[in-house]
Amino acid sequence: MELLSSQNIQDYLESTHFIDWKSPAILEQVKRISQELSQPEQIAKACFLFVRDEIKHSWDHQLNPVTCRASDVLTHKTGFCYAKSHLLAALLRANGIPAGLCYQRLTISNDQPPFCLHGLNAIYLPDHGWYRVDARGNKPGVDAQFCPPTEQLAFPIISEGEQDFATIYAEPLPLITELLESAASYQEVAERLPDAVTLNNHRPYDA
């Protein structure tokens, strides 16, 4: 059961400071991705695969600079999970497909504390409603796919203290954007990964 941070679906289509889909680079990329596609589900899958496979995860690939705005993620072809979710939202919105941002609380390694927030997306598909995807990038042990109505995310909730948060946000959480905009390197982001046991106006995704 999902919660929406805004009841106005238009908010999940807006071009904003961080999800800046009206930037020329994103509009050009949208043309390349979706020029031969017509159905929302086909377009959504193509956008997902592009971000998952063509944008490198900053920690996995040890890459700078730290990106946050969707257009910067596209320009530099790298980002943490949060930044990649901003780009996917931008590509989807540019195609007229409502898209929001979701978060999980996960262990950082070895299924043991400490924890951090993980960023992913929810897409509104006409045949399925809101559908979550995770474009952080696959690697051994991580196999996120686009296969509605089934969710196949990068990380299942398996350890005590981990949690799916229900809210689908129209805009990124400030604690995420503040971190990404202030960190000087991918190492600094890794050292400062945010955690939240509970977030205001949240409840577990499966509540």
Protein backbone atom coordinates (compact mmCIF):
# COMPACT_ATOMS: atom_id res chain seq x y z
CA MET A 1 0.00 0.00 0.00
CA GLU A 2 1.57 3.26 -1.13
CA LEU A 3 1.25 6.79 0.22
CA LEU A 4 1.68 9.81 -2.01
CA SER A 5 3.47 12.91 -0.78
CA SER A 6 1.13 14.85 -3.08
CA GLN A 7 -2.39 13.97 -4.17
CA ASN A 8 -1.90 16.01 -7.35
CA ILE A 9 -0.60 13.66 -10.05
CA GLN A 10 0.78 16.69 -11.89
CA ASP A 11 3.44 17.02 -9.20
CA TYR A 12 4.87 13.70 -10.40
CA LEU A 13 5.29 15.18 -13.88
CA GLU A 14 6.91 18.50 -12.95
CA SER A 15 10.37 19.63 -14.01
CA THR A 16 12.09 20.83 -10.83
CA HIS A 17 15.54 21.85 -9.62
CA PHE A 18 16.69 18.26 -9.09
CA ILE A 19 14.43 16.49 -11.58
CA ASP A 20 15.18 18.99 -14.34
CA TRP A 21 13.76 17.13 -17.32
CA LYS A 22 13.39 20.26 -19.45
CA SER A 23 17.17 20.55 -19.76
CA PRO A 24 18.32 20.13 -23.39
CA ALA A 25 20.53 17.12 -22.61
CA ILE A 26 17.67 15.18 -21.05
CA LEU A 27 15.23 16.06 -23.82
CA GLU A 28 17.77 14.87 -26.38
CA GLN A 29 18.32 11.63 -24.49
CA VAL A 30 14.57 11.09 -24.30
CA LYS A 31 14.36 11.28 -28.08
CA ARG A 32 17.07 8.66 -28.45
CA ILE A 33 15.44 6.31 -25.95
CA SER A 34 11.80 6.52 -26.95
CA GLN A 35 11.67 7.66 -30.57
CA GLU A 36 10.44 4.27 -31.85
CA LEU A 37 8.26 3.43 -28.83
CA SER A 38 4.64 4.38 -28.20
CA GLN A 39 3.31 2.51 -25.16
CA PRO A 40 4.02 3.90 -21.66
CA GLU A 41 5.19 0.53 -20.37
CA GLN A 42 7.64 0.12 -23.26
CA ILE A 43 9.01 3.63 -22.73
CA ALA A 44 9.27 3.15 -18.97
CA LYS A 45 11.23 -0.07 -19.43
CA ALA A 46 13.61 1.55 -21.93
CA CYS A 47 14.26 4.47 -19.57
CA PHE A 48 14.83 2.07 -16.67
CA LEU A 49 17.30 -0.04 -18.63
CA PHE A 50 19.21 3.03 -19.77
CA VAL A 51 19.69 4.35 -16.23
CA ARG A 52 20.37 0.92 -14.75
CA ASP A 53 22.91 -0.13 -17.37
CA GLU A 54 24.43 3.03 -18.87
CA ILE A 55 24.82 5.23 -15.77
CA LYS A 56 27.54 3.88 -13.51
CA HIS A 57 26.94 3.62 -9.77
CA SER A 58 29.47 5.97 -8.16
CA TRP A 59 30.52 3.59 -5.40
CA ASP A 60 30.57 0.43 -7.49
CA HIS A 61 32.85 2.11 -10.04
CA GLN A 62 34.69 4.49 -7.65
CA LEU A 63 33.77 7.54 -9.69
CA ASN A 64 33.63 11.29 -9.17
CA PRO A 65 32.11 13.83 -9.40
CA VAL A 66 29.24 13.44 -6.95
CA THR A 67 26.04 14.17 -8.88
CA CYS A 68 22.55 15.10 -7.76
CA ARG A 69 20.57 16.94 -10.44
CA ALA A 70 19.24 14.67 -13.14
CA SER A 71 20.99 16.59 -15.92
CA ASP A 72 24.34 16.31 -14.11
CA VAL A 73 23.88 12.57 -13.67
CA LEU A 74 23.33 12.27 -17.41
CA THR A 75 26.27 14.52 -18.27
CA HIS A 76 28.77 12.66 -16.09
CA LYS A 77 27.18 9.20 -16.55
CA THR A 78 27.55 8.42 -12.85
CA GLY A 79 25.62 8.75 -9.61
CA PHE A 80 24.72 7.09 -6.35
CA CYS A 81 21.37 5.31 -6.16
CA TYR A 82 19.68 8.57 -5.15
CA ALA A 83 21.04 10.51 -8.11
CA LYS A 84 20.22 7.72 -10.54
CA SER A 85 16.63 7.77 -9.28
CA HIS A 86 16.51 11.51 -10.01
CA LEU A 87 17.57 10.87 -13.61
CA LEU A 88 15.09 8.04 -14.11
CA ALA A 89 12.29 10.23 -12.77
CA ALA A 90 13.33 12.99 -15.17
CA LEU A 91 13.39 10.71 -18.23
CA LEU A 92 9.98 9.29 -17.36
CA ARG A 93 8.40 12.66 -16.67
CA ALA A 94 9.76 14.02 -19.94
CA ASN A 95 7.76 11.24 -21.61
CA GLY A 96 4.60 12.20 -19.72
CA ILE A 97 4.85 9.22 -17.36
CA PRO A 98 4.30 10.09 -13.68
CA ALA A 99 7.32 9.11 -11.59
CA GLY A 100 8.26 9.52 -7.95
CA LEU A 101 11.02 8.71 -5.51
CA CYS A 102 10.98 5.98 -2.85
CA TYR A 103 13.33 4.93 -0.07
CA GLN A 104 14.32 1.84 1.82
CA ARG A 105 16.33 1.45 5.01
CA LEU A 106 18.98 -1.20 4.41
CA THR A 107 22.10 -2.58 6.03
CA ILE A 108 25.25 -1.24 4.39
CA SER A 109 27.09 -4.56 4.27
CA ASN A 110 26.94 -8.18 5.43
CA ASP A 111 23.28 -7.90 6.54
CA GLN A 112 24.42 -6.21 9.77
CA PRO A 113 24.06 -2.66 11.15
CA PRO A 114 24.81 0.15 10.45
CA PHE A 115 21.96 1.13 8.15
CA CYS A 116 21.47 3.70 5.41
CA LEU A 117 18.69 4.99 3.20
CA HIS A 118 18.55 3.61 -0.32
CA GLY A 119 16.85 5.44 -3.18
CA LEU A 120 14.65 3.98 -5.91
CA ASN A 121 11.63 4.93 -8.02
CA ALA A 122 7.91 4.36 -8.39
CA ILE A 123 6.34 4.68 -11.84
CA TYR A 124 2.65 5.08 -12.59
CA LEU A 125 1.76 2.57 -15.29
CA PRO A 126 -1.80 2.66 -16.70
CA ASP A 127 -2.23 -1.13 -16.51
CA HIS A 128 -0.66 -1.62 -13.08
CA GLY A 129 -0.82 1.57 -11.02
CA TRP A 130 2.26 2.57 -9.02
CA TYR A 131 5.12 0.16 -9.63
CA ARG A 132 8.53 0.29 -7.94
CA VAL A 133 11.81 -0.21 -9.80
CA ASP A 134 15.44 0.08 -8.76
CA ALA A 135 17.90 1.38 -11.36
CA ARG A 136 20.95 1.50 -9.04
CA GLY A 137 22.78 -0.93 -11.34
CA ASN A 138 23.18 -4.68 -11.25
CA LYS A 139 26.26 -6.57 -10.08
CA PRO A 140 26.93 -10.03 -8.65
CA GLY A 141 24.15 -10.65 -6.13
CA VAL A 142 22.00 -7.76 -7.42
CA ASP A 143 19.49 -8.41 -10.20
CA ALA A 144 16.89 -5.64 -10.42
CA GLN A 145 14.48 -5.98 -13.34
CA PHE A 146 11.45 -4.31 -14.93
CA CYS A 147 8.75 -6.99 -14.98
CA PRO A 148 5.37 -5.55 -13.93
CA PRO A 149 3.27 -6.34 -12.07
CA THR A 150 6.00 -8.23 -10.19
CA GLU A 151 8.53 -6.11 -8.33
CA GLN A 152 12.13 -7.25 -8.67
CA LEU A 153 14.16 -4.73 -6.71
CA ALA A 154 17.88 -4.69 -6.05
CA PHE A 155 17.61 -5.44 -2.34
CA PRO A 156 14.95 -7.42 -0.46
CA ILE A 157 14.15 -6.58 3.14
CA ILE A 158 15.76 -9.45 5.04
CA SER A 159 17.45 -8.12 8.21
CA GLU A 160 15.96 -6.81 11.43
CA GLY A 161 15.86 -3.03 11.27
CA GLU A 162 15.53 -2.87 7.49
CA GLN A 163 12.35 -1.30 6.14
CA ASP A 164 10.43 -0.32 3.03
CA PHE A 165 8.96 3.17 3.36
CA ALA A 166 5.55 3.64 1.81
CA THR A 167 5.67 7.23 0.64
CA ILE A 168 6.18 8.01 -3.03
CA TYR A 169 7.75 11.45 -3.13
CA ALA A 170 7.42 14.00 -5.89
CA GLU A 171 10.73 15.55 -4.79
CA PRO A 172 13.89 14.07 -3.25
CA LEU A 173 14.35 14.16 0.52
CA PRO A 174 16.36 17.21 1.62
CA LEU A 175 18.78 15.08 3.67
CA ILE A 176 19.67 13.30 0.41
CA THR A 177 20.13 16.39 -1.75
CA GLU A 178 22.06 18.22 0.96
CA LEU A 179 24.50 15.33 1.22
CA LEU A 180 25.02 15.01 -2.52
CA GLU A 181 25.45 18.74 -3.05
CA SER A 182 27.91 19.16 -0.18
CA ALA A 183 30.10 16.05 -0.57
CA ALA A 184 33.40 16.56 -2.35
CA SER A 185 33.90 12.94 -3.39
CA TYR A 186 32.21 9.56 -3.61
CA GLN A 187 34.26 8.51 -0.59
CA GLU A 188 32.74 11.31 1.46
CA VAL A 189 29.23 10.29 0.45
CA ALA A 190 29.98 6.71 1.53
CA GLU A 191 31.22 7.96 4.90
CA ARG A 192 28.11 10.11 5.45
CA LEU A 193 25.33 7.86 4.14
CA PRO A 194 22.09 9.00 5.79
CA ASP A 195 19.96 6.77 7.97
CA ALA A 196 16.40 7.22 9.20
CA VAL A 197 14.66 4.73 11.45
CA THR A 198 11.42 6.58 10.85
CA LEU A 199 10.60 9.46 8.53
CA ASN A 200 7.83 11.95 9.18
CA ASN A 201 4.47 10.86 7.77
CA HIS A 202 5.79 7.41 6.84
CA ARG A 203 4.74 3.91 7.57
CA PRO A 204 6.23 0.59 6.40
CA TYR A 205 5.48 -0.13 2.74
CA ASP A 206 3.57 -3.29 3.59
CA ALA A 207 1.57 -1.84 6.49
